[in-house]
Amino acid sequence: MEKRFKVYVYEEGEPPIVHRGPCKDIYSIEGRFIEQLEMLQPRQAGVRTWDPNLANAYFLPISVLDMRKYIYERHPHSYGPLIRTFEDYIQVVKRKHPFWNRTGGADHFMLAGHDWGPYITREIPELYSNSIRALSNANTSEGFIPSKDVSVPGINLYDESMPVQLTAGPLPSLGNRTLLAFFAGGRHGRVREILFEHWKDRDLQLFPVYEYFPKGLDYYSFMMRSRFCLCPSGFEVSSPRIAEAIWAECVPVIISEGYVLPFSDVLQWNEFSISISVADIPNLKDLLAAIPEEKIERLREGVKAVKRHFVLNQQPIRFDMFNMILHSVWLRILNLNLR
């Protein structure tokens, strides 16, 4: 990929809707990806090209979150203005360039960290049917198509950088992790309702499950003290807790339906995570407690091995999250060329 894959970024449009996005937010991946791709300079070896005739893929640098922020009409609740804005941008691209029309947009891609990405893009027929949609909300029940779309990890950055306590040095070993599992979060969606019904505040010494997190305690310290980190879906399937668990070298326990996990073309998730069905939530503590120590250690070694793929660096480096997303897009471009 490093030698062959080239991406052209369309220059049409101006901020705040195009060419920027959130970099300090629960949807940070949207703004950071746009920023990191656009900051690549001609003198740097890398994936970006300024000659569209040399490109293998074409990026639409439009931010769903900023469209929601600046265009969305709360009353009445309607995606209409956002859909029309995205459609208008594609029409400009089609009028000014020949590349979309050559493939019907199949070698074009966009990235949305916001939950609304699937709903907005689903209403633009060519984009939905042909183009590569890189989405954090990668839910097959909401139209995510694994053969052509890309699942992107959700991340939550509070100050535009990775949490220092998870990146500054060695993290606790398995023997120093005194909590079996941990979760803290809002009562968002059916899965969490069931989780709270059975486990909220039931065993705070070994299996702490909080609805929101108590003030005065450190969220990441609980992850670093835990063997397993619970990652239930909320209103949507994805959760930044999956990446946070991996940063903390805590085995993610994924409780979600219809979620296509990020980078699953190349990563074997069963080597570093546990998947639990919603129906098994009442038995969750016993299921995790029954996993042998040797298997937990093996899973944690897997977590350590994939950790670099979920790290978002200030400057992209090989195999980090930025490059893993590009690699996922590249695989779909290869599939397109083989059709």
Protein backbone atom coordinates (compact mmCIF):
# COMPACT_ATOMS: atom_id res chain seq x y z
CA MET A 1 0.00 0.00 0.00
CA GLU A 2 2.73 2.47 0.95
CA LYS A 3 4.26 2.27 -2.52
CA ARG A 4 1.15 2.07 -4.66
CA PHE A 5 -1.87 3.65 -2.99
CA LYS A 6 -2.51 7.34 -3.71
CA VAL A 7 -5.41 9.47 -2.54
CA TYR A 8 -6.58 12.74 -4.05
CA VAL A 9 -8.40 15.14 -1.71
CA TYR A 10 -10.95 17.36 -3.40
CA GLU A 11 -10.21 21.03 -2.79
CA GLU A 12 -13.74 22.33 -3.35
CA GLY A 13 -15.58 23.87 -0.42
CA GLU A 14 -14.57 25.82 2.65
CA PRO A 15 -14.66 25.34 6.43
CA PRO A 16 -16.55 24.85 8.63
CA ILE A 17 -18.45 22.19 6.64
CA VAL A 18 -15.57 20.98 4.48
CA HIS A 19 -11.84 20.44 5.17
CA ARG A 20 -12.16 20.27 8.93
CA GLY A 21 -13.99 18.44 11.70
CA PRO A 22 -13.92 17.86 15.46
CA CYS A 23 -10.49 17.10 16.94
CA LYS A 24 -11.48 17.23 20.62
CA ASP A 25 -14.71 15.34 20.92
CA ILE A 26 -16.32 11.91 21.18
CA TYR A 27 -16.28 11.97 17.37
CA SER A 28 -12.62 13.05 17.14
CA ILE A 29 -11.69 10.53 14.47
CA GLU A 30 -13.69 12.53 11.91
CA GLY A 31 -11.75 15.76 12.30
CA ARG A 32 -8.40 14.13 12.96
CA PHE A 33 -8.53 11.98 9.83
CA ILE A 34 -9.43 14.96 7.63
CA GLU A 35 -6.73 17.07 9.28
CA GLN A 36 -4.02 14.41 9.04
CA LEU A 37 -4.73 13.58 5.42
CA GLU A 38 -4.81 17.24 4.39
CA MET A 39 -1.68 18.22 6.31
CA LEU A 40 0.48 15.82 4.27
CA GLN A 41 2.78 17.91 2.09
CA PRO A 42 4.19 17.19 -1.41
CA ARG A 43 7.71 16.85 -0.04
CA GLN A 44 6.61 14.06 2.29
CA ALA A 45 6.49 10.46 1.18
CA GLY A 46 2.95 9.35 1.74
CA VAL A 47 -0.40 8.42 0.42
CA ARG A 48 -1.65 11.82 -0.74
CA THR A 49 -1.26 13.02 -4.33
CA TRP A 50 -2.02 16.45 -5.76
CA ASP A 51 -2.45 15.01 -9.26
CA PRO A 52 -5.90 13.43 -9.50
CA ASN A 53 -4.85 11.49 -12.59
CA LEU A 54 -2.41 9.50 -10.42
CA ALA A 55 -4.94 8.71 -7.68
CA ASN A 56 -6.40 5.32 -6.86
CA ALA A 57 -9.01 6.84 -4.54
CA TYR A 58 -10.70 10.21 -4.09
CA PHE A 59 -11.59 11.64 -0.68
CA LEU A 60 -14.66 13.80 0.01
CA PRO A 61 -13.46 15.90 3.00
CA ILE A 62 -16.89 16.78 4.38
CA SER A 63 -17.72 16.61 8.10
CA VAL A 64 -21.06 15.13 9.14
CA LEU A 65 -20.63 16.48 12.67
CA ASP A 66 -20.00 20.03 11.48
CA MET A 67 -22.96 19.78 9.11
CA ARG A 68 -25.04 18.81 12.12
CA LYS A 69 -23.57 21.70 14.12
CA TYR A 70 -24.10 24.42 11.51
CA ILE A 71 -26.97 23.23 9.29
CA TYR A 72 -29.21 20.91 11.28
CA GLU A 73 -32.68 22.23 12.03
CA ARG A 74 -33.76 20.90 15.42
CA HIS A 75 -37.39 21.88 14.89
CA PRO A 76 -38.62 20.02 12.94
CA HIS A 77 -36.18 17.14 13.34
CA SER A 78 -34.96 16.53 9.78
CA TYR A 79 -31.83 15.28 8.07
CA GLY A 80 -32.98 17.08 4.91
CA PRO A 81 -30.59 20.09 5.01
CA LEU A 82 -27.62 17.82 5.73
CA ILE A 83 -28.50 15.45 2.91
CA ARG A 84 -28.92 18.33 0.46
CA THR A 85 -25.57 19.83 1.50
CA PHE A 86 -23.80 16.53 0.89
CA GLU A 87 -25.62 16.07 -2.43
CA ASP A 88 -24.65 19.59 -3.51
CA TYR A 89 -21.00 18.91 -2.74
CA ILE A 90 -21.03 15.75 -4.85
CA GLN A 91 -22.71 17.65 -7.70
CA VAL A 92 -19.91 20.24 -7.62
CA VAL A 93 -17.33 17.45 -7.75
CA LYS A 94 -19.13 15.82 -10.67
CA ARG A 95 -19.34 19.07 -12.65
CA LYS A 96 -15.71 20.08 -12.15
CA HIS A 97 -13.99 16.70 -12.41
CA PRO A 98 -14.38 13.56 -14.57
CA PHE A 99 -13.45 11.06 -11.86
CA TRP A 100 -16.77 10.42 -10.10
CA ASN A 101 -18.58 9.69 -13.34
CA ARG A 102 -15.96 7.14 -14.48
CA THR A 103 -17.00 4.70 -11.74
CA GLY A 104 -20.24 6.13 -10.39
CA GLY A 105 -18.28 7.16 -7.30
CA ALA A 106 -17.05 3.63 -6.51
CA ASP A 107 -13.43 4.78 -6.03
CA HIS A 108 -14.50 7.70 -3.80
CA PHE A 109 -14.69 7.62 -0.02
CA MET A 110 -15.80 9.72 2.92
CA LEU A 111 -15.45 9.33 6.68
CA ALA A 112 -18.07 9.98 9.35
CA GLY A 113 -17.38 9.54 13.05
CA HIS A 114 -20.82 10.88 13.93
CA ASP A 115 -23.71 8.47 14.54
CA TRP A 116 -25.73 10.10 11.77
CA GLY A 117 -23.27 9.15 9.04
CA PRO A 118 -25.27 6.08 7.89
CA TYR A 119 -28.62 7.90 7.87
CA ILE A 120 -27.41 10.87 5.80
CA THR A 121 -25.39 8.88 3.27
CA ARG A 122 -28.13 6.28 2.86
CA GLU A 123 -30.31 8.97 1.30
CA ILE A 124 -27.78 9.69 -1.48
CA PRO A 125 -28.23 6.68 -3.82
CA GLU A 126 -24.87 6.71 -5.64
CA LEU A 127 -22.93 7.35 -2.45
CA TYR A 128 -24.79 4.63 -0.56
CA SER A 129 -24.68 1.99 -3.30
CA ASN A 130 -21.27 2.61 -4.83
CA SER A 131 -18.91 4.70 -2.71
CA ILE A 132 -16.80 3.60 0.25
CA ARG A 133 -18.30 4.91 3.47
CA ALA A 134 -15.87 4.87 6.39
CA LEU A 135 -18.22 4.88 9.38
CA SER A 136 -17.88 4.57 13.14
CA ASN A 137 -21.54 3.56 13.27
CA ALA A 138 -20.87 0.37 11.28
CA ASN A 139 -24.22 -1.34 11.82
CA THR A 140 -25.38 -3.89 9.24
CA SER A 141 -28.98 -3.40 10.34
CA GLU A 142 -28.69 0.28 9.34
CA GLY A 143 -27.24 -0.32 5.89
CA PHE A 144 -23.53 -0.80 6.51
CA ILE A 145 -22.18 -2.98 3.67
CA PRO A 146 -19.04 -4.83 4.83
CA SER A 147 -17.87 -5.68 1.32
CA LYS A 148 -17.48 -2.01 0.35
CA ASP A 149 -17.75 0.10 3.52
CA VAL A 150 -15.10 0.56 6.22
CA SER A 151 -15.62 0.30 9.98
CA VAL A 152 -13.74 3.06 11.81
CA PRO A 153 -12.96 2.98 15.55
CA GLY A 154 -14.70 5.56 17.68
CA ILE A 155 -12.38 7.62 19.87
CA ASN A 156 -12.94 10.27 22.51
CA LEU A 157 -10.11 12.78 22.88
CA TYR A 158 -10.51 15.40 25.59
CA ASP A 159 -7.55 17.58 24.62
CA GLU A 160 -6.68 16.45 21.07
CA SER A 161 -4.13 13.89 22.31
CA MET A 162 -4.11 10.36 23.65
CA PRO A 163 -4.67 9.96 27.43
CA VAL A 164 -1.21 10.34 28.94
CA GLN A 165 -1.81 7.80 31.72
CA LEU A 166 -2.37 5.11 29.07
CA THR A 167 0.66 5.98 26.94
CA ALA A 168 3.34 7.21 29.37
CA GLY A 169 4.80 3.87 30.41
CA PRO A 170 4.23 0.20 31.34
CA LEU A 171 0.69 -0.62 32.43
CA PRO A 172 -0.29 -3.00 35.27
CA SER A 173 0.22 -6.72 34.74
CA LEU A 174 -2.61 -9.22 35.00
CA GLY A 175 -1.64 -10.04 38.60
CA ASN A 176 -2.07 -6.38 39.58
CA ARG A 177 -5.54 -6.08 38.05
CA THR A 178 -7.88 -6.61 40.97
CA LEU A 179 -11.15 -5.88 39.16
CA LEU A 180 -12.76 -8.60 37.07
CA ALA A 181 -14.53 -6.11 34.80
CA PHE A 182 -15.59 -2.48 34.68
CA PHE A 183 -18.13 -0.23 32.96
CA ALA A 184 -19.34 3.33 33.45
CA GLY A 185 -21.64 5.11 31.04
CA GLY A 186 -25.05 6.59 30.36
CA ARG A 187 -28.34 4.73 30.09
CA HIS A 188 -28.29 4.81 26.30
CA GLY A 189 -30.21 2.13 24.43
CA ARG A 190 -31.65 -1.32 25.13
CA VAL A 191 -28.35 -3.15 25.74
CA ARG A 192 -27.29 -0.83 28.54
CA GLU A 193 -30.76 -0.96 30.07
CA ILE A 194 -30.34 -4.72 30.40
CA LEU A 195 -26.78 -4.38 31.70
CA PHE A 196 -27.88 -1.93 34.40
CA GLU A 197 -30.91 -4.03 35.32
CA HIS A 198 -28.65 -6.94 36.23
CA TRP A 199 -25.35 -5.39 37.28
CA LYS A 200 -25.55 -1.72 38.19
CA ASP A 201 -23.94 -1.17 41.63
CA ARG A 202 -24.20 -4.91 42.44
CA ASP A 203 -20.52 -5.64 43.15
CA LEU A 204 -18.41 -2.48 43.19
CA GLN A 205 -15.40 -4.25 44.72
CA LEU A 206 -14.94 -6.80 41.93
CA PHE A 207 -17.36 -6.03 39.09
CA PRO A 208 -18.12 -2.28 39.15
CA VAL A 209 -20.88 -1.22 36.77
CA TYR A 210 -21.84 2.44 37.11
CA GLU A 211 -24.47 4.55 35.42
CA TYR A 212 -22.17 7.46 34.74
CA PHE A 213 -18.97 7.71 36.73
CA PRO A 214 -18.75 8.98 40.31
CA LYS A 215 -17.02 12.33 40.72
CA GLY A 216 -13.60 12.23 42.32
CA LEU A 217 -12.62 8.89 40.79
CA ASP A 218 -10.33 8.40 37.80
CA TYR A 219 -11.99 6.63 34.85
CA TYR A 220 -8.81 5.36 33.22
CA SER A 221 -7.41 4.04 36.51
CA PHE A 222 -10.41 1.69 36.71
CA MET A 223 -9.64 0.43 33.21
CA MET A 224 -6.02 -0.16 34.16
CA ARG A 225 -7.11 -2.13 37.25
CA SER A 226 -9.52 -4.31 35.25
CA ARG A 227 -8.98 -7.59 33.46
CA PHE A 228 -12.00 -7.02 31.23
CA CYS A 229 -13.59 -3.77 30.08
CA LEU A 230 -17.26 -3.96 29.15
CA CYS A 231 -18.10 -2.32 25.82
CA PRO A 232 -21.90 -2.43 25.40
CA SER A 233 -23.47 -0.58 22.50
CA GLY A 234 -25.40 2.59 23.30
CA PHE A 235 -27.96 4.18 21.01
CA GLU A 236 -25.62 3.06 18.21
CA VAL A 237 -23.37 0.02 17.92
CA SER A 238 -19.91 1.55 18.22
CA SER A 239 -18.28 2.81 21.39
CA PRO A 240 -15.02 4.65 22.10
CA ARG A 241 -14.62 2.26 25.04
CA ILE A 242 -13.29 -0.41 22.69
CA ALA A 243 -10.28 1.73 21.76
CA GLU A 244 -9.92 2.93 25.37
CA ALA A 245 -9.89 -0.67 26.63
CA ILE A 246 -7.17 -1.56 24.14
CA TRP A 247 -5.13 1.52 25.15
CA ALA A 248 -5.46 0.35 28.79
CA GLU A 249 -4.44 -3.22 27.83
CA CYS A 250 -7.77 -4.39 29.20
CA VAL A 251 -9.56 -7.16 27.26
CA PRO A 252 -12.62 -5.63 25.53
CA VAL A 253 -15.93 -7.42 26.13
CA ILE A 254 -18.07 -6.48 23.16
CA ILE A 255 -21.83 -6.58 23.69
CA SER A 256 -23.40 -5.38 20.47
CA GLU A 257 -25.66 -6.64 17.70
CA GLY A 258 -24.95 -6.04 14.01
CA TYR A 259 -21.60 -4.31 14.64
CA VAL A 260 -18.85 -4.90 12.08
CA LEU A 261 -15.67 -4.50 14.11
CA PRO A 262 -12.93 -2.15 12.85
CA PHE A 263 -10.12 -3.59 10.70
CA SER A 264 -11.70 -7.06 10.80
CA ASP A 265 -10.33 -7.74 7.30
CA VAL A 266 -6.91 -8.20 8.87
CA LEU A 267 -7.35 -8.42 12.66
CA GLN A 268 -8.65 -11.57 14.35
CA TRP A 269 -10.78 -10.06 17.09
CA ASN A 270 -11.23 -13.38 18.88
CA GLU A 271 -7.50 -13.26 19.65
CA PHE A 272 -7.78 -10.10 21.78
CA SER A 273 -11.43 -9.60 22.75
CA ILE A 274 -14.52 -11.42 24.02
CA SER A 275 -17.93 -11.16 22.37
CA ILE A 276 -20.99 -11.70 24.56
CA SER A 277 -24.57 -11.93 23.32
CA VAL A 278 -27.19 -9.67 24.83
CA ALA A 279 -29.02 -12.77 26.04
CA ASP A 280 -25.99 -13.69 28.19
CA ILE A 281 -25.86 -10.40 30.12
CA PRO A 282 -27.59 -11.92 33.21
CA ASN A 283 -24.71 -14.46 33.44
CA LEU A 284 -21.96 -12.01 32.49
CA LYS A 285 -20.00 -12.06 35.73
CA ASP A 286 -19.94 -15.87 35.93
CA LEU A 287 -18.96 -16.18 32.25
CA LEU A 288 -15.98 -13.88 32.68
CA ALA A 289 -14.94 -15.39 36.02
CA ALA A 290 -14.85 -18.84 34.40
CA ILE A 291 -12.25 -17.84 31.79
CA PRO A 292 -8.91 -19.43 32.75
CA GLU A 293 -6.02 -17.20 33.75
CA GLU A 294 -3.93 -18.54 30.87
CA LYS A 295 -6.55 -17.49 28.31
CA ILE A 296 -6.88 -14.02 29.82
CA GLU A 297 -3.11 -13.58 29.61
CA ARG A 298 -3.20 -14.77 26.00
CA LEU A 299 -5.95 -12.28 25.17
CA ARG A 300 -4.02 -9.48 26.86
CA GLU A 301 -0.96 -10.34 24.78
CA GLY A 302 -3.21 -10.01 21.75
CA VAL A 303 -4.40 -6.62 23.00
CA LYS A 304 -0.80 -5.46 23.35
CA ALA A 305 -0.02 -6.70 19.83
CA VAL A 306 -2.85 -4.70 18.20
CA LYS A 307 -2.60 -1.61 20.42
CA ARG A 308 -0.54 0.38 17.89
CA HIS A 309 -3.37 -0.01 15.34
CA PHE A 310 -5.76 1.91 17.62
CA VAL A 311 -3.42 4.76 18.50
CA LEU A 312 -3.94 8.12 16.79
CA ASN A 313 -0.62 9.96 16.70
CA GLN A 314 -0.17 13.71 16.23
CA GLN A 315 1.90 12.83 13.16
CA PRO A 316 0.79 9.58 11.47
CA ILE A 317 3.21 6.66 11.71
CA ARG A 318 3.18 3.21 10.13
CA PHE A 319 0.43 0.85 11.30
CA ASP A 320 -1.38 3.44 13.46
CA MET A 321 -5.11 4.13 13.27
CA PHE A 322 -4.81 6.69 10.47
CA ASN A 323 -2.90 4.25 8.29
CA MET A 324 -5.14 1.31 9.22
CA ILE A 325 -8.16 3.26 7.97
CA LEU A 326 -6.36 3.99 4.71
CA HIS A 327 -5.39 0.32 4.45
CA SER A 328 -9.05 -0.68 4.81
CA VAL A 329 -9.98 1.74 2.02
CA TRP A 330 -7.15 0.36 -0.14
CA LEU A 331 -8.44 -3.20 0.26
CA ARG A 332 -11.83 -2.10 -1.06
CA ILE A 333 -10.21 -0.32 -4.00
CA LEU A 334 -8.37 -3.58 -4.79
CA ASN A 335 -11.68 -5.45 -4.64
CA LEU A 336 -13.20 -2.89 -6.98
CA ASN A 337 -10.39 -3.40 -9.50
CA LEU A 338 -10.88 -7.17 -9.37
CA ARG A 339 -14.59 -7.06 -10.15
